Amino acid sequence: MPIYEYQCENGHKIEVFHGIDKPQIKECTICKAKVRRIISSFNLSKNAGIYVFSKEHGGRDILHDKTMTNRERREIISKMARNIKR
């Protein structure tokens, strides 16, 4: 049986076990406010984010490389953006 997560207008997060064929709940079990179903946090990738890799720079992640200065980073990204526009 799947676990569904809901959040109410007052900020309460609740988990509800019910079958796929059952309708969504309409109100918070704590305060009776209107609820909406949310995406479960365990489904989200811990490594989600934006990464920019450059073959010219050894395949490094340009945004997160600690050895690069912000100026170098901006120049590389500007050059990549110009190449994309062509």
C-alpha atoms as a PDB file:
ATOM      1  CA  MET A   1       0.000   0.000   0.000  1.00  0.00           C
ATOM      2  CA  PRO A   2       1.534   3.361  -0.992  1.00  0.00           C
ATOM      3  CA  ILE A   3       2.314   6.205   1.380  1.00  0.00           C
ATOM      4  CA  TYR A   4       0.987   9.601   0.304  1.00  0.00           C
ATOM      5  CA  GLU A   5       2.216  12.870   1.774  1.00  0.00           C
ATOM      6  CA  TYR A   6      -0.030  15.877   2.176  1.00  0.00           C
ATOM      7  CA  GLN A   7       0.515  19.421   3.393  1.00  0.00           C
ATOM      8  CA  CYS A   8      -2.251  21.608   4.732  1.00  0.00           C
ATOM      9  CA  GLU A   9      -2.725  25.370   4.455  1.00  0.00           C
ATOM     10  CA  ASN A  10      -1.410  25.706   8.033  1.00  0.00           C
ATOM     11  CA  GLY A  11       1.849  23.903   7.220  1.00  0.00           C
ATOM     12  CA  HIS A  12       1.205  20.494   8.773  1.00  0.00           C
ATOM     13  CA  LYS A  13       2.743  17.603   6.840  1.00  0.00           C
ATOM     14  CA  ILE A  14       1.000  14.276   7.164  1.00  0.00           C
ATOM     15  CA  GLU A  15       1.540  10.805   5.713  1.00  0.00           C
ATOM     16  CA  VAL A  16      -1.434   8.663   4.790  1.00  0.00           C
ATOM     17  CA  PHE A  17      -1.514   4.985   3.810  1.00  0.00           C
ATOM     18  CA  HIS A  18      -4.221   4.224   1.297  1.00  0.00           C
ATOM     19  CA  GLY A  19      -4.685   2.271  -1.875  1.00  0.00           C
ATOM     20  CA  ILE A  20      -4.247   3.745  -5.337  1.00  0.00           C
ATOM     21  CA  ASP A  21      -7.951   3.311  -6.008  1.00  0.00           C
ATOM     22  CA  LYS A  22      -8.925   5.381  -2.943  1.00  0.00           C
ATOM     23  CA  PRO A  23      -9.617   9.127  -3.369  1.00  0.00           C
ATOM     24  CA  GLN A  24      -7.196  11.721  -2.009  1.00  0.00           C
ATOM     25  CA  ILE A  25      -7.951  13.120   1.419  1.00  0.00           C
ATOM     26  CA  LYS A  26      -9.452  16.608   1.428  1.00  0.00           C
ATOM     27  CA  GLU A  27      -8.671  17.904   4.915  1.00  0.00           C
ATOM     28  CA  CYS A  28      -5.834  17.812   7.440  1.00  0.00           C
ATOM     29  CA  THR A  29      -6.187  15.153  10.112  1.00  0.00           C
ATOM     30  CA  ILE A  30      -4.695  17.591  12.653  1.00  0.00           C
ATOM     31  CA  CYS A  31      -6.518  20.884  12.062  1.00  0.00           C
ATOM     32  CA  LYS A  32      -9.132  20.091   9.383  1.00  0.00           C
ATOM     33  CA  ALA A  33      -7.675  22.690   6.936  1.00  0.00           C
ATOM     34  CA  LYS A  34      -7.615  22.030   3.187  1.00  0.00           C
ATOM     35  CA  VAL A  35      -4.691  19.805   2.040  1.00  0.00           C
ATOM     36  CA  ARG A  36      -2.779  19.191  -1.154  1.00  0.00           C
ATOM     37  CA  ARG A  37      -0.717  16.139  -2.035  1.00  0.00           C
ATOM     38  CA  ILE A  38       3.034  16.777  -2.257  1.00  0.00           C
ATOM     39  CA  ILE A  39       5.947  14.864  -3.744  1.00  0.00           C
ATOM     40  CA  SER A  40       7.590  12.674  -1.118  1.00  0.00           C
ATOM     41  CA  SER A  41      11.038  13.864  -0.134  1.00  0.00           C
ATOM     42  CA  PHE A  42      12.543  10.393  -0.521  1.00  0.00           C
ATOM     43  CA  ASN A  43      11.779  10.587  -4.259  1.00  0.00           C
ATOM     44  CA  LEU A  44      13.983  13.649  -4.704  1.00  0.00           C
ATOM     45  CA  SER A  45      17.601  13.177  -5.674  1.00  0.00           C
ATOM     46  CA  LYS A  46      20.110  14.322  -3.073  1.00  0.00           C
ATOM     47  CA  ASN A  47      22.436  15.400  -5.883  1.00  0.00           C
ATOM     48  CA  ALA A  48      19.837  17.417  -7.766  1.00  0.00           C
ATOM     49  CA  GLY A  49      21.102  20.717  -9.065  1.00  0.00           C
ATOM     50  CA  ILE A  50      22.784  22.425 -11.966  1.00  0.00           C
ATOM     51  CA  TYR A  51      26.122  21.236 -13.230  1.00  0.00           C
ATOM     52  CA  VAL A  52      28.106  22.698 -16.124  1.00  0.00           C
ATOM     53  CA  PHE A  53      30.878  20.477 -17.464  1.00  0.00           C
ATOM     54  CA  SER A  54      33.465  21.732 -19.924  1.00  0.00           C
ATOM     55  CA  LYS A  55      35.481  19.392 -22.138  1.00  0.00           C
ATOM     56  CA  GLU A  56      37.942  22.227 -22.780  1.00  0.00           C
ATOM     57  CA  HIS A  57      38.713  22.353 -19.068  1.00  0.00           C
ATOM     58  CA  GLY A  58      39.250  18.651 -18.426  1.00  0.00           C
ATOM     59  CA  GLY A  59      35.605  17.772 -17.876  1.00  0.00           C
ATOM     60  CA  ARG A  60      35.450  19.779 -14.652  1.00  0.00           C
ATOM     61  CA  ASP A  61      32.181  21.040 -13.212  1.00  0.00           C
ATOM     62  CA  ILE A  62      32.574  24.766 -13.863  1.00  0.00           C
ATOM     63  CA  LEU A  63      30.009  25.905 -11.283  1.00  0.00           C
ATOM     64  CA  HIS A  64      31.407  23.917  -8.351  1.00  0.00           C
ATOM     65  CA  ASP A  65      35.161  23.784  -9.050  1.00  0.00           C
ATOM     66  CA  LYS A  66      36.865  25.327  -6.006  1.00  0.00           C
ATOM     67  CA  THR A  67      40.129  25.948  -7.924  1.00  0.00           C
ATOM     68  CA  MET A  68      38.519  28.471 -10.289  1.00  0.00           C
ATOM     69  CA  THR A  69      37.928  32.136  -9.576  1.00  0.00           C
ATOM     70  CA  ASN A  70      34.510  33.678 -10.158  1.00  0.00           C
ATOM     71  CA  ARG A  71      35.964  35.701 -13.035  1.00  0.00           C
ATOM     72  CA  GLU A  72      37.254  32.564 -14.775  1.00  0.00           C
ATOM     73  CA  ARG A  73      33.914  30.876 -14.207  1.00  0.00           C
ATOM     74  CA  ARG A  74      31.965  33.807 -15.720  1.00  0.00           C
ATOM     75  CA  GLU A  75      34.270  33.959 -18.773  1.00  0.00           C
ATOM     76  CA  ILE A  76      33.896  30.240 -19.479  1.00  0.00           C
ATOM     77  CA  ILE A  77      30.124  30.320 -19.078  1.00  0.00           C
ATOM     78  CA  SER A  78      29.846  33.415 -21.307  1.00  0.00           C
ATOM     79  CA  LYS A  79      31.920  31.691 -23.993  1.00  0.00           C
ATOM     80  CA  MET A  80      29.738  28.564 -23.748  1.00  0.00           C
ATOM     81  CA  ALA A  81      26.578  30.681 -24.027  1.00  0.00           C
ATOM     82  CA  ARG A  82      27.904  32.441 -27.147  1.00  0.00           C
ATOM     83  CA  ASN A  83      28.641  29.081 -28.752  1.00  0.00           C
ATOM     84  CA  ILE A  84      25.116  27.843 -28.005  1.00  0.00           C
ATOM     85  CA  LYS A  85      23.522  30.905 -29.649  1.00  0.00           C
ATOM     86  CA  ARG A  86      25.306  30.220 -32.946  1.00  0.00           C
END
